[in-house]
Amino acid sequence: MQWASEKLPKNFLVLLTDDSMFLHVVNLRLTITSAAWNVKHHNWPEFPLVCATRTVKSAPVVRSRTDPQFVAESDYRWPMFPTSCARGGYWSSVAIMSELFRKSVSLQHVRTTDAWVTGVLRRGIGMPSRMLLKAAKQVTYQLPSWDNEGKTRLAQMREAWENVRTWPRKHVRLCSC
């Protein structure tokens, strides 16, 4: 977010996701068009935050120290996160990402990135939950996690590739050069 806020025009869109995600570009385009319609139709002052997979209302904060998503009560005292994106990534305008970045500098960081950025920081900049949208169609697909040796099971990888390969295809012109 810092790089985008310093290097890109404010009206550009920025997508943040994990490096293990496939991106369905046609569905991304459809979702951006849908989000832009919402801006116009609802007279929103800015492009919304869009979740690549789904939104979660009031996700519980993990307090078990053995869980990788553990959050200490001293870091975040509330039992629930505000409405936020659930995995898969999210995007918005550079203007919104810049506001989120500036807000993040003033608050204690929590490791659950999606809930932190799209829930806590979003609420902190005053963006209402109704401006947190779910993608119109599936935009991302996550590959299986790697094991401790940096390898993944071949069967899991084949299944992941098969899921991506069978995504519905449309021949859509995405840009004109």
N, C-alpha and C. Protein backbone atom coordinates (compact mmCIF):
# COMPACT_ATOMS: atom_id res chain seq x y z
N MET A 1 0.82 -1.19 0.00
CA MET A 1 0.00 0.00 0.00
C MET A 1 0.87 1.26 0.00
N GLN A 2 1.97 1.21 0.71
CA GLN A 2 2.85 2.38 0.75
C GLN A 2 3.40 2.69 -0.65
N TRP A 3 3.89 1.66 -1.33
CA TRP A 3 4.45 1.87 -2.66
C TRP A 3 3.39 2.46 -3.59
N ALA A 4 2.20 1.89 -3.60
CA ALA A 4 1.13 2.38 -4.48
C ALA A 4 0.78 3.82 -4.15
N SER A 5 0.70 4.15 -2.87
CA SER A 5 0.31 5.52 -2.49
C SER A 5 1.38 6.54 -2.86
N GLU A 6 2.63 6.10 -2.96
CA GLU A 6 3.71 7.02 -3.31
C GLU A 6 3.99 7.08 -4.82
N LYS A 7 3.66 6.03 -5.57
CA LYS A 7 4.09 5.93 -6.96
C LYS A 7 2.97 6.01 -8.01
N LEU A 8 1.73 5.78 -7.62
CA LEU A 8 0.65 5.67 -8.61
C LEU A 8 -0.35 6.82 -8.50
N PRO A 9 -1.01 7.15 -9.61
CA PRO A 9 -2.09 8.15 -9.56
C PRO A 9 -3.22 7.66 -8.65
N LYS A 10 -3.89 8.56 -7.98
CA LYS A 10 -4.92 8.23 -7.00
C LYS A 10 -6.12 7.50 -7.60
N ASN A 11 -6.38 7.67 -8.91
CA ASN A 11 -7.54 7.02 -9.51
C ASN A 11 -7.23 5.62 -10.05
N PHE A 12 -5.99 5.16 -9.98
CA PHE A 12 -5.66 3.79 -10.37
C PHE A 12 -6.25 2.83 -9.35
N LEU A 13 -6.46 1.57 -9.77
CA LEU A 13 -6.91 0.54 -8.85
C LEU A 13 -5.73 -0.34 -8.48
N VAL A 14 -5.73 -0.81 -7.22
CA VAL A 14 -4.67 -1.67 -6.72
C VAL A 14 -5.31 -2.94 -6.17
N LEU A 15 -4.78 -4.09 -6.58
CA LEU A 15 -5.24 -5.39 -6.10
C LEU A 15 -4.16 -5.96 -5.19
N LEU A 16 -4.54 -6.33 -3.98
CA LEU A 16 -3.62 -6.97 -3.05
C LEU A 16 -4.08 -8.40 -2.85
N THR A 17 -3.18 -9.36 -3.07
CA THR A 17 -3.50 -10.77 -2.91
C THR A 17 -2.23 -11.54 -2.59
N ASP A 18 -2.38 -12.80 -2.24
CA ASP A 18 -1.22 -13.65 -1.95
C ASP A 18 -0.56 -14.10 -3.25
N ASP A 19 0.70 -14.49 -3.15
CA ASP A 19 1.41 -14.95 -4.34
C ASP A 19 0.97 -16.35 -4.79
N SER A 20 0.12 -17.00 -4.00
CA SER A 20 -0.36 -18.33 -4.37
C SER A 20 -1.73 -18.28 -5.03
N MET A 21 -2.15 -17.11 -5.49
CA MET A 21 -3.48 -16.94 -6.07
C MET A 21 -3.42 -16.83 -7.60
N PHE A 22 -4.36 -17.49 -8.25
CA PHE A 22 -4.60 -17.28 -9.67
C PHE A 22 -5.63 -16.17 -9.80
N LEU A 23 -5.52 -15.38 -10.82
CA LEU A 23 -6.43 -14.27 -11.05
C LEU A 23 -7.21 -14.51 -12.34
N HIS A 24 -8.53 -14.45 -12.26
CA HIS A 24 -9.39 -14.59 -13.44
C HIS A 24 -9.65 -13.17 -13.95
N VAL A 25 -8.93 -12.77 -14.97
CA VAL A 25 -8.91 -11.38 -15.44
C VAL A 25 -10.27 -10.94 -15.99
N VAL A 26 -10.98 -11.82 -16.70
CA VAL A 26 -12.29 -11.46 -17.23
C VAL A 26 -13.26 -11.17 -16.09
N ASN A 27 -13.28 -12.05 -15.08
CA ASN A 27 -14.16 -11.82 -13.93
C ASN A 27 -13.75 -10.59 -13.14
N LEU A 28 -12.45 -10.31 -13.10
CA LEU A 28 -11.99 -9.10 -12.44
C LEU A 28 -12.56 -7.88 -13.14
N ARG A 29 -12.50 -7.89 -14.46
CA ARG A 29 -13.04 -6.77 -15.23
C ARG A 29 -14.53 -6.59 -14.98
N LEU A 30 -15.29 -7.68 -14.96
CA LEU A 30 -16.73 -7.62 -14.68
C LEU A 30 -17.00 -7.04 -13.28
N THR A 31 -16.19 -7.46 -12.32
CA THR A 31 -16.37 -6.99 -10.95
C THR A 31 -16.03 -5.51 -10.82
N ILE A 32 -14.99 -5.06 -11.51
CA ILE A 32 -14.64 -3.63 -11.48
C ILE A 32 -15.77 -2.82 -12.09
N THR A 33 -16.33 -3.30 -13.19
CA THR A 33 -17.46 -2.61 -13.83
C THR A 33 -18.65 -2.53 -12.87
N SER A 34 -18.92 -3.62 -12.17
CA SER A 34 -20.03 -3.66 -11.22
C SER A 34 -19.79 -2.69 -10.05
N ALA A 35 -18.56 -2.66 -9.56
CA ALA A 35 -18.23 -1.74 -8.46
C ALA A 35 -18.34 -0.29 -8.91
N ALA A 36 -17.90 0.00 -10.14
CA ALA A 36 -18.01 1.37 -10.67
C ALA A 36 -19.47 1.77 -10.80
N TRP A 37 -20.34 0.83 -11.19
CA TRP A 37 -21.78 1.10 -11.26
C TRP A 37 -22.31 1.49 -9.88
N ASN A 38 -21.86 0.76 -8.83
CA ASN A 38 -22.28 1.08 -7.46
C ASN A 38 -21.87 2.49 -7.06
N VAL A 39 -20.67 2.90 -7.45
CA VAL A 39 -20.20 4.26 -7.13
C VAL A 39 -21.17 5.28 -7.72
N LYS A 40 -21.52 5.08 -8.98
CA LYS A 40 -22.41 6.02 -9.66
C LYS A 40 -23.84 5.93 -9.11
N HIS A 41 -24.36 4.72 -8.99
CA HIS A 41 -25.74 4.51 -8.57
C HIS A 41 -26.00 4.99 -7.14
N HIS A 42 -25.04 4.75 -6.25
CA HIS A 42 -25.21 5.12 -4.84
C HIS A 42 -24.59 6.47 -4.50
N ASN A 43 -24.01 7.11 -5.51
CA ASN A 43 -23.36 8.41 -5.32
C ASN A 43 -22.28 8.35 -4.23
N TRP A 44 -21.47 7.28 -4.27
CA TRP A 44 -20.38 7.13 -3.32
C TRP A 44 -19.25 8.09 -3.68
N PRO A 45 -18.55 8.62 -2.69
CA PRO A 45 -17.49 9.58 -2.99
C PRO A 45 -16.21 8.96 -3.53
N GLU A 46 -16.11 7.63 -3.45
CA GLU A 46 -14.87 6.97 -3.84
C GLU A 46 -15.19 5.54 -4.25
N PHE A 47 -14.24 4.91 -4.97
CA PHE A 47 -14.36 3.51 -5.36
C PHE A 47 -14.37 2.66 -4.08
N PRO A 48 -15.22 1.63 -4.00
CA PRO A 48 -15.30 0.82 -2.78
C PRO A 48 -14.11 -0.11 -2.62
N LEU A 49 -14.04 -0.77 -1.48
CA LEU A 49 -13.13 -1.90 -1.29
C LEU A 49 -13.89 -3.12 -1.79
N VAL A 50 -13.25 -3.93 -2.63
CA VAL A 50 -13.90 -5.11 -3.19
C VAL A 50 -13.13 -6.35 -2.76
N CYS A 51 -13.85 -7.31 -2.20
CA CYS A 51 -13.26 -8.57 -1.75
C CYS A 51 -13.25 -9.56 -2.91
N ALA A 52 -12.14 -10.24 -3.10
CA ALA A 52 -12.02 -11.19 -4.21
C ALA A 52 -12.88 -12.43 -4.01
N THR A 53 -13.13 -12.82 -2.77
CA THR A 53 -13.93 -14.03 -2.55
C THR A 53 -15.24 -13.70 -1.83
N ARG A 54 -15.16 -13.34 -0.57
CA ARG A 54 -16.38 -13.09 0.19
C ARG A 54 -16.12 -12.10 1.32
N THR A 55 -17.22 -11.59 1.86
CA THR A 55 -17.13 -10.75 3.05
C THR A 55 -17.56 -11.57 4.25
N VAL A 56 -17.06 -11.20 5.41
CA VAL A 56 -17.41 -11.86 6.66
C VAL A 56 -17.89 -10.79 7.64
N LYS A 57 -19.06 -11.01 8.21
CA LYS A 57 -19.58 -10.07 9.21
C LYS A 57 -19.14 -10.54 10.58
N SER A 58 -18.47 -9.67 11.30
CA SER A 58 -18.08 -9.93 12.70
C SER A 58 -17.35 -11.25 12.89
N ALA A 59 -16.22 -11.40 12.25
CA ALA A 59 -15.40 -12.60 12.42
C ALA A 59 -14.77 -12.59 13.81
N PRO A 60 -14.79 -13.73 14.51
CA PRO A 60 -14.19 -13.77 15.84
C PRO A 60 -12.67 -13.64 15.77
N VAL A 61 -12.11 -12.97 16.73
CA VAL A 61 -10.66 -12.82 16.83
C VAL A 61 -10.11 -14.10 17.45
N VAL A 62 -9.07 -14.67 16.85
CA VAL A 62 -8.48 -15.92 17.34
C VAL A 62 -7.58 -15.61 18.52
N ARG A 63 -7.87 -16.25 19.66
CA ARG A 63 -7.10 -16.02 20.89
C ARG A 63 -6.23 -17.22 21.27
N SER A 64 -6.28 -18.30 20.51
CA SER A 64 -5.47 -19.48 20.79
C SER A 64 -4.04 -19.24 20.33
N ARG A 65 -3.09 -19.29 21.25
CA ARG A 65 -1.68 -18.99 20.94
C ARG A 65 -1.07 -19.97 19.92
N THR A 66 -1.65 -21.14 19.76
CA THR A 66 -1.09 -22.12 18.82
C THR A 66 -1.59 -21.90 17.39
N ASP A 67 -2.57 -21.06 17.22
CA ASP A 67 -3.13 -20.79 15.89
C ASP A 67 -2.29 -19.72 15.17
N PRO A 68 -1.99 -19.90 13.86
CA PRO A 68 -1.21 -18.89 13.13
C PRO A 68 -1.92 -17.54 13.04
N GLN A 69 -3.24 -17.53 13.20
CA GLN A 69 -4.01 -16.28 13.15
C GLN A 69 -4.19 -15.65 14.52
N PHE A 70 -3.43 -16.13 15.53
CA PHE A 70 -3.53 -15.63 16.90
C PHE A 70 -3.33 -14.12 16.97
N VAL A 71 -4.20 -13.47 17.74
CA VAL A 71 -4.08 -12.04 18.00
C VAL A 71 -4.18 -11.84 19.51
N ALA A 72 -3.16 -11.27 20.10
CA ALA A 72 -3.16 -11.01 21.55
C ALA A 72 -4.17 -9.93 21.88
N GLU A 73 -4.78 -10.06 23.04
CA GLU A 73 -5.77 -9.07 23.48
C GLU A 73 -5.11 -7.70 23.65
N SER A 74 -3.81 -7.69 23.95
CA SER A 74 -3.10 -6.41 24.08
C SER A 74 -2.92 -5.72 22.72
N ASP A 75 -2.97 -6.49 21.64
CA ASP A 75 -2.86 -5.93 20.29
C ASP A 75 -4.21 -5.47 19.74
N TYR A 76 -5.26 -6.23 20.06
CA TYR A 76 -6.61 -5.89 19.59
C TYR A 76 -7.57 -6.41 20.65
N ARG A 77 -8.20 -5.51 21.39
CA ARG A 77 -8.95 -5.92 22.58
C ARG A 77 -10.38 -6.40 22.30
N TRP A 78 -10.90 -6.13 21.13
CA TRP A 78 -12.29 -6.50 20.83
C TRP A 78 -12.40 -7.98 20.49
N PRO A 79 -13.52 -8.63 20.83
CA PRO A 79 -13.66 -10.06 20.56
C PRO A 79 -13.96 -10.39 19.09
N MET A 80 -14.43 -9.40 18.33
CA MET A 80 -14.80 -9.62 16.93
C MET A 80 -14.16 -8.55 16.05
N PHE A 81 -13.83 -8.96 14.80
CA PHE A 81 -13.39 -7.97 13.81
C PHE A 81 -14.63 -7.38 13.14
N PRO A 82 -14.52 -6.15 12.66
CA PRO A 82 -15.64 -5.61 11.90
C PRO A 82 -15.80 -6.36 10.57
N THR A 83 -16.90 -6.13 9.88
CA THR A 83 -17.11 -6.74 8.57
C THR A 83 -15.86 -6.53 7.72
N SER A 84 -15.39 -7.61 7.10
CA SER A 84 -14.13 -7.53 6.35
C SER A 84 -14.11 -8.59 5.26
N CYS A 85 -13.06 -8.56 4.44
CA CYS A 85 -12.85 -9.57 3.41
C CYS A 85 -12.29 -10.84 4.05
N ALA A 86 -12.64 -11.97 3.47
CA ALA A 86 -12.14 -13.25 3.96
C ALA A 86 -11.28 -13.89 2.88
N ARG A 87 -9.99 -13.77 2.99
CA ARG A 87 -9.02 -14.41 2.11
C ARG A 87 -9.22 -14.08 0.64
N GLY A 88 -8.24 -14.36 -0.16
CA GLY A 88 -8.35 -14.21 -1.60
C GLY A 88 -7.93 -12.86 -2.14
N GLY A 89 -7.83 -11.85 -1.29
CA GLY A 89 -7.40 -10.54 -1.73
C GLY A 89 -8.52 -9.53 -1.78
N TYR A 90 -8.14 -8.32 -2.12
CA TYR A 90 -9.09 -7.20 -2.19
C TYR A 90 -8.46 -6.11 -3.02
N TRP A 91 -9.30 -5.19 -3.51
CA TRP A 91 -8.79 -4.07 -4.29
C TRP A 91 -9.65 -2.85 -4.10
N SER A 92 -9.05 -1.72 -4.41
CA SER A 92 -9.73 -0.42 -4.39
C SER A 92 -8.85 0.57 -5.13
N SER A 93 -9.24 1.83 -5.04
CA SER A 93 -8.45 2.88 -5.68
C SER A 93 -7.20 3.16 -4.85
N VAL A 94 -6.22 3.73 -5.50
CA VAL A 94 -5.00 4.13 -4.80
C VAL A 94 -5.36 5.17 -3.73
N ALA A 95 -6.35 6.02 -4.01
CA ALA A 95 -6.77 7.02 -3.01
C ALA A 95 -7.19 6.34 -1.71
N ILE A 96 -8.00 5.29 -1.80
CA ILE A 96 -8.44 4.56 -0.60
C ILE A 96 -7.28 3.81 0.03
N MET A 97 -6.46 3.15 -0.78
CA MET A 97 -5.30 2.43 -0.24
C MET A 97 -4.35 3.38 0.49
N SER A 98 -4.22 4.60 -0.02
CA SER A 98 -3.37 5.60 0.63
C SER A 98 -3.93 5.97 2.00
N GLU A 99 -5.24 6.16 2.07
CA GLU A 99 -5.87 6.46 3.36
C GLU A 99 -5.69 5.30 4.34
N LEU A 100 -5.87 4.08 3.85
CA LEU A 100 -5.69 2.90 4.70
C LEU A 100 -4.25 2.81 5.19
N PHE A 101 -3.30 3.08 4.30
CA PHE A 101 -1.89 3.04 4.70
C PHE A 101 -1.60 4.08 5.77
N ARG A 102 -2.06 5.31 5.56
CA ARG A 102 -1.83 6.37 6.56
C ARG A 102 -2.44 5.99 7.92
N LYS A 103 -3.61 5.39 7.89
CA LYS A 103 -4.26 4.97 9.14
C LYS A 103 -3.46 3.87 9.81
N SER A 104 -2.89 2.96 9.01
CA SER A 104 -2.14 1.83 9.57
C SER A 104 -0.91 2.27 10.35
N VAL A 105 -0.33 3.39 9.95
CA VAL A 105 0.87 3.89 10.62
C VAL A 105 0.57 4.29 12.07
N SER A 106 -0.66 4.72 12.32
CA SER A 106 -1.02 5.22 13.65
C SER A 106 -1.58 4.14 14.57
N LEU A 107 -1.75 2.91 14.08
CA LEU A 107 -2.35 1.86 14.89
C LEU A 107 -1.41 0.67 15.05
N GLN A 108 -1.62 -0.10 16.12
CA GLN A 108 -0.88 -1.34 16.35
C GLN A 108 -1.26 -2.33 15.26
N HIS A 109 -0.28 -2.93 14.60
CA HIS A 109 -0.55 -3.88 13.52
C HIS A 109 -1.01 -5.22 14.07
N VAL A 110 -1.99 -5.82 13.41
CA VAL A 110 -2.49 -7.14 13.75
C VAL A 110 -2.20 -8.06 12.56
N ARG A 111 -1.77 -9.29 12.82
CA ARG A 111 -1.32 -10.19 11.76
C ARG A 111 -2.40 -10.66 10.78
N THR A 112 -3.64 -10.62 11.13
CA THR A 112 -4.70 -11.08 10.23
C THR A 112 -4.97 -9.98 9.21
N THR A 113 -4.17 -9.96 8.16
CA THR A 113 -4.11 -8.85 7.21
C THR A 113 -5.45 -8.46 6.61
N ASP A 114 -6.22 -9.42 6.06
CA ASP A 114 -7.48 -9.06 5.41
C ASP A 114 -8.45 -8.41 6.39
N ALA A 115 -8.63 -9.02 7.55
CA ALA A 115 -9.54 -8.45 8.56
C ALA A 115 -9.01 -7.12 9.06
N TRP A 116 -7.70 -7.00 9.17
CA TRP A 116 -7.08 -5.77 9.66
C TRP A 116 -7.30 -4.61 8.68
N VAL A 117 -6.94 -4.84 7.42
CA VAL A 117 -7.02 -3.77 6.43
C VAL A 117 -8.47 -3.46 6.05
N THR A 118 -9.24 -4.51 5.68
CA THR A 118 -10.58 -4.27 5.16
C THR A 118 -11.64 -4.13 6.24
N GLY A 119 -11.28 -4.42 7.47
CA GLY A 119 -12.21 -4.27 8.60
C GLY A 119 -11.81 -3.11 9.49
N VAL A 120 -10.73 -3.29 10.26
CA VAL A 120 -10.32 -2.30 11.26
C VAL A 120 -9.89 -0.98 10.61
N LEU A 121 -8.98 -1.04 9.64
CA LEU A 121 -8.51 0.20 9.00
C LEU A 121 -9.63 0.86 8.19
N ARG A 122 -10.42 0.05 7.48
CA ARG A 122 -11.55 0.60 6.72
C ARG A 122 -12.48 1.38 7.63
N ARG A 123 -12.82 0.78 8.75
CA ARG A 123 -13.69 1.46 9.72
C ARG A 123 -12.99 2.71 10.27
N GLY A 124 -11.69 2.61 10.45
CA GLY A 124 -10.91 3.73 10.97
C GLY A 124 -10.88 4.95 10.06
N ILE A 125 -10.99 4.74 8.74
CA ILE A 125 -11.02 5.90 7.82
C ILE A 125 -12.45 6.37 7.57
N GLY A 126 -13.41 5.70 8.21
CA GLY A 126 -14.80 6.12 8.08
C GLY A 126 -15.55 5.53 6.91
N MET A 127 -14.99 4.53 6.23
CA MET A 127 -15.68 3.90 5.11
C MET A 127 -16.72 2.93 5.66
N PRO A 128 -18.00 3.11 5.30
CA PRO A 128 -19.05 2.23 5.84
C PRO A 128 -18.98 0.82 5.27
N SER A 129 -19.55 -0.13 6.00
CA SER A 129 -19.56 -1.54 5.58
C SER A 129 -20.24 -1.74 4.24
N ARG A 130 -21.22 -0.90 3.90
CA ARG A 130 -21.91 -1.07 2.62
C ARG A 130 -20.99 -0.80 1.43
N MET A 131 -19.82 -0.17 1.67
CA MET A 131 -18.85 0.06 0.59
C MET A 131 -17.78 -1.04 0.54
N LEU A 132 -18.01 -2.12 1.26
CA LEU A 132 -17.16 -3.31 1.20
C LEU A 132 -17.95 -4.35 0.41
N LEU A 133 -17.55 -4.58 -0.84
CA LEU A 133 -18.32 -5.43 -1.75
C LEU A 133 -17.65 -6.77 -1.98
N LYS A 134 -18.47 -7.78 -2.25
CA LYS A 134 -18.00 -9.09 -2.67
C LYS A 134 -17.88 -9.05 -4.19
N ALA A 135 -16.89 -9.73 -4.73
CA ALA A 135 -16.71 -9.80 -6.18
C ALA A 135 -17.97 -10.34 -6.84
N ALA A 136 -18.30 -9.78 -8.00
CA ALA A 136 -19.50 -10.20 -8.74
C ALA A 136 -19.39 -11.67 -9.17
N LYS A 137 -18.19 -12.13 -9.52
CA LYS A 137 -17.92 -13.52 -9.89
C LYS A 137 -16.58 -13.90 -9.29
N GLN A 138 -16.31 -15.20 -9.21
CA GLN A 138 -15.05 -15.66 -8.64
C GLN A 138 -13.89 -15.04 -9.40
N VAL A 139 -13.04 -14.35 -8.66
CA VAL A 139 -11.92 -13.63 -9.27
C VAL A 139 -10.59 -14.31 -8.98
N THR A 140 -10.46 -14.95 -7.83
CA THR A 140 -9.20 -15.60 -7.47
C THR A 140 -9.44 -17.05 -7.09
N TYR A 141 -8.38 -17.83 -7.24
CA TYR A 141 -8.38 -19.23 -6.81
C TYR A 141 -7.02 -19.50 -6.18
N GLN A 142 -7.05 -20.07 -4.97
CA GLN A 142 -5.80 -20.27 -4.25
C GLN A 142 -5.23 -21.67 -4.49
N LEU A 143 -3.94 -21.70 -4.79
CA LEU A 143 -3.23 -22.98 -4.90
C LEU A 143 -3.06 -23.58 -3.51
N PRO A 144 -2.84 -24.89 -3.42
CA PRO A 144 -2.64 -25.51 -2.11
C PRO A 144 -1.39 -24.95 -1.42
N SER A 145 -1.42 -25.01 -0.10
CA SER A 145 -0.27 -24.52 0.68
C SER A 145 0.91 -25.46 0.53
N TRP A 146 2.09 -24.90 0.73
CA TRP A 146 3.32 -25.68 0.67
C TRP A 146 3.54 -26.35 2.02
N ASP A 147 4.23 -27.50 2.02
CA ASP A 147 4.54 -28.14 3.29
C ASP A 147 5.84 -27.54 3.84
N ASN A 148 6.31 -28.05 4.96
CA ASN A 148 7.49 -27.50 5.63
C ASN A 148 8.76 -27.60 4.79
N GLU A 149 8.80 -28.49 3.82
CA GLU A 149 9.98 -28.67 2.99
C GLU A 149 9.91 -27.85 1.71
N GLY A 150 8.88 -27.00 1.58
CA GLY A 150 8.74 -26.19 0.38
C GLY A 150 8.16 -26.94 -0.79
N LYS A 151 7.51 -28.07 -0.52
CA LYS A 151 6.91 -28.88 -1.57
C LYS A 151 5.42 -29.03 -1.26
N THR A 152 4.65 -29.25 -2.29
CA THR A 152 3.23 -29.55 -2.12
C THR A 152 2.95 -30.90 -2.74
N ARG A 153 1.91 -31.55 -2.29
CA ARG A 153 1.59 -32.87 -2.85
C ARG A 153 1.17 -32.72 -4.31
N LEU A 154 1.70 -33.59 -5.15
CA LEU A 154 1.44 -33.54 -6.58
C LEU A 154 -0.06 -33.64 -6.88
N ALA A 155 -0.77 -34.48 -6.16
CA ALA A 155 -2.22 -34.64 -6.40
C ALA A 155 -2.97 -33.34 -6.10
N GLN A 156 -2.58 -32.65 -5.03
CA GLN A 156 -3.21 -31.38 -4.69
C GLN A 156 -2.95 -30.34 -5.79
N MET A 157 -1.73 -30.31 -6.29
CA MET A 157 -1.39 -29.35 -7.33
C MET A 157 -2.16 -29.66 -8.62
N ARG A 158 -2.26 -30.92 -8.97
CA ARG A 158 -3.02 -31.29 -10.17
C ARG A 158 -4.49 -30.88 -10.02
N GLU A 159 -5.06 -31.11 -8.85
CA GLU A 159 -6.45 -30.73 -8.61
C GLU A 159 -6.63 -29.21 -8.72
N ALA A 160 -5.69 -28.46 -8.16
CA ALA A 160 -5.76 -26.99 -8.24
C ALA A 160 -5.69 -26.51 -9.68
N TRP A 161 -4.78 -27.07 -10.46
CA TRP A 161 -4.67 -26.67 -11.86
C TRP A 161 -5.93 -27.04 -12.64
N GLU A 162 -6.51 -28.19 -12.32
CA GLU A 162 -7.74 -28.62 -12.99
C GLU A 162 -8.88 -27.64 -12.68
N ASN A 163 -8.96 -27.19 -11.45
CA ASN A 163 -10.00 -26.20 -11.09
C ASN A 163 -9.83 -24.91 -11.89
N VAL A 164 -8.62 -24.46 -12.04
CA VAL A 164 -8.37 -23.23 -12.80
C VAL A 164 -8.62 -23.48 -14.29
N ARG A 165 -8.18 -24.62 -14.79
CA ARG A 165 -8.34 -24.94 -16.21
C ARG A 165 -9.80 -25.00 -16.62
N THR A 166 -10.67 -25.40 -15.71
CA THR A 166 -12.09 -25.56 -16.05
C THR A 166 -12.92 -24.32 -15.76
N TRP A 167 -12.29 -23.22 -15.38
CA TRP A 167 -13.06 -21.98 -15.21
C TRP A 167 -13.76 -21.67 -16.53
N PRO A 168 -14.98 -21.18 -16.47
CA PRO A 168 -15.66 -20.81 -17.72
C PRO A 168 -14.82 -19.79 -18.49
N ARG A 169 -14.73 -20.00 -19.79
CA ARG A 169 -13.94 -19.10 -20.62
C ARG A 169 -14.83 -18.25 -21.49
N LYS A 170 -14.48 -17.03 -21.61
CA LYS A 170 -15.15 -16.14 -22.55
C LYS A 170 -14.06 -15.43 -23.32
N HIS A 171 -14.31 -15.19 -24.57
CA HIS A 171 -13.38 -14.40 -25.35
C HIS A 171 -13.86 -12.97 -25.27
N VAL A 172 -13.22 -12.22 -24.42
CA VAL A 172 -13.61 -10.84 -24.16
C VAL A 172 -12.39 -9.95 -24.40
N ARG A 173 -12.60 -8.89 -25.15
CA ARG A 173 -11.51 -7.95 -25.35
C ARG A 173 -11.35 -7.13 -24.07
N LEU A 174 -10.19 -7.25 -23.46
CA LEU A 174 -9.94 -6.56 -22.20
C LEU A 174 -9.40 -5.16 -22.40
N CYS A 175 -8.71 -4.96 -23.49
CA CYS A 175 -8.15 -3.62 -23.74
C CYS A 175 -7.91 -3.46 -25.23
N SER A 176 -7.74 -2.24 -25.63
CA SER A 176 -7.37 -1.93 -27.01
C SER A 176 -6.03 -1.22 -27.00
N CYS A 177 -5.14 -1.68 -27.82
CA CYS A 177 -3.81 -1.08 -27.84
C CYS A 177 -3.57 -0.31 -29.13
